[in-house]
Amino acid sequence: EPLVALTDLPSFDTSAMDGWAIAGPGPWRLLPGAQVLAGHELTGACARLDDGAAVPVATGARVPAGA
């Protein structure tokens, strides 16, 4: 019998493995000093990526908007 969750946990998109969040078509540029870590709030340029931006993302971290 299928199981259905009443809510999404976590309630946001997360990274399944260490990697990169990129926005828009390449080429991409790294945001200096930016990184997205699990358990941390997204702030500044990492909160929403503009086209052409790239930032490293850790396993379990929230995926930035625009990525």
Protein backbone atom coordinates (compact mmCIF):
# COMPACT_ATOMS: atom_id res chain seq x y z
CA GLU A 1 0.00 0.00 0.00
CA PRO A 2 1.46 3.41 -0.96
CA LEU A 3 2.38 5.82 1.82
CA VAL A 4 1.66 9.53 1.47
CA ALA A 5 3.34 12.18 3.60
CA LEU A 6 1.14 14.96 4.94
CA THR A 7 3.97 17.51 4.68
CA ASP A 8 7.31 17.80 2.93
CA LEU A 9 10.30 17.41 5.25
CA PRO A 10 12.34 19.43 4.81
CA SER A 11 9.92 21.96 3.39
CA PHE A 12 12.49 23.32 0.91
CA ASP A 13 14.68 21.98 -1.91
CA THR A 14 17.97 20.53 -0.65
CA SER A 15 21.17 19.35 -2.25
CA ALA A 16 21.45 15.54 -2.36
CA MET A 17 25.26 15.74 -2.55
CA ASP A 18 28.12 18.24 -2.52
CA GLY A 19 28.11 20.15 -5.78
CA TRP A 20 27.26 23.45 -7.41
CA ALA A 21 24.18 25.63 -7.64
CA ILE A 22 24.18 27.42 -10.98
CA ALA A 23 21.74 29.87 -12.52
CA GLY A 24 20.93 30.44 -16.15
CA PRO A 25 22.99 29.46 -19.17
CA GLY A 26 26.79 29.35 -18.92
CA PRO A 27 29.41 30.49 -18.72
CA TRP A 28 29.07 30.79 -14.95
CA ARG A 29 31.11 32.90 -12.56
CA LEU A 30 31.85 31.93 -8.99
CA LEU A 31 30.57 34.30 -6.34
CA PRO A 32 33.71 35.25 -4.34
CA GLY A 33 33.71 33.77 -0.84
CA ALA A 34 30.18 32.41 -1.22
CA GLN A 35 29.19 28.93 -0.13
CA VAL A 36 25.95 27.29 0.90
CA LEU A 37 26.16 25.06 3.98
CA ALA A 38 23.57 22.76 5.54
CA GLY A 39 21.78 24.33 8.49
CA HIS A 40 22.66 27.91 7.53
CA GLU A 41 20.30 30.62 6.31
CA LEU A 42 20.81 31.86 2.77
CA THR A 43 21.89 35.50 2.82
CA GLY A 44 23.23 38.08 0.40
CA ALA A 45 23.98 36.92 -3.12
CA CYS A 46 23.37 33.28 -2.11
CA ALA A 47 19.71 33.90 -1.28
CA ARG A 48 18.84 34.27 -4.96
CA LEU A 49 21.26 33.54 -7.78
CA ASP A 50 21.27 35.78 -10.83
CA ASP A 51 21.85 34.28 -14.28
CA GLY A 52 25.48 33.32 -14.75
CA ALA A 53 26.20 32.83 -11.03
CA ALA A 54 27.61 29.68 -9.43
CA VAL A 55 28.18 28.77 -5.77
CA PRO A 56 29.36 25.60 -4.05
CA VAL A 57 26.60 23.77 -2.15
CA ALA A 58 27.09 21.20 0.63
CA THR A 59 25.05 18.02 1.05
CA GLY A 60 21.72 18.79 2.73
CA ALA A 61 21.97 22.55 2.16
CA ARG A 62 19.08 24.61 0.88
CA VAL A 63 19.23 25.16 -2.87
CA PRO A 64 19.28 28.91 -3.63
CA ALA A 65 16.35 30.44 -5.49
CA GLY A 66 17.08 30.84 -9.18
CA ALA A 67 19.33 27.76 -9.32
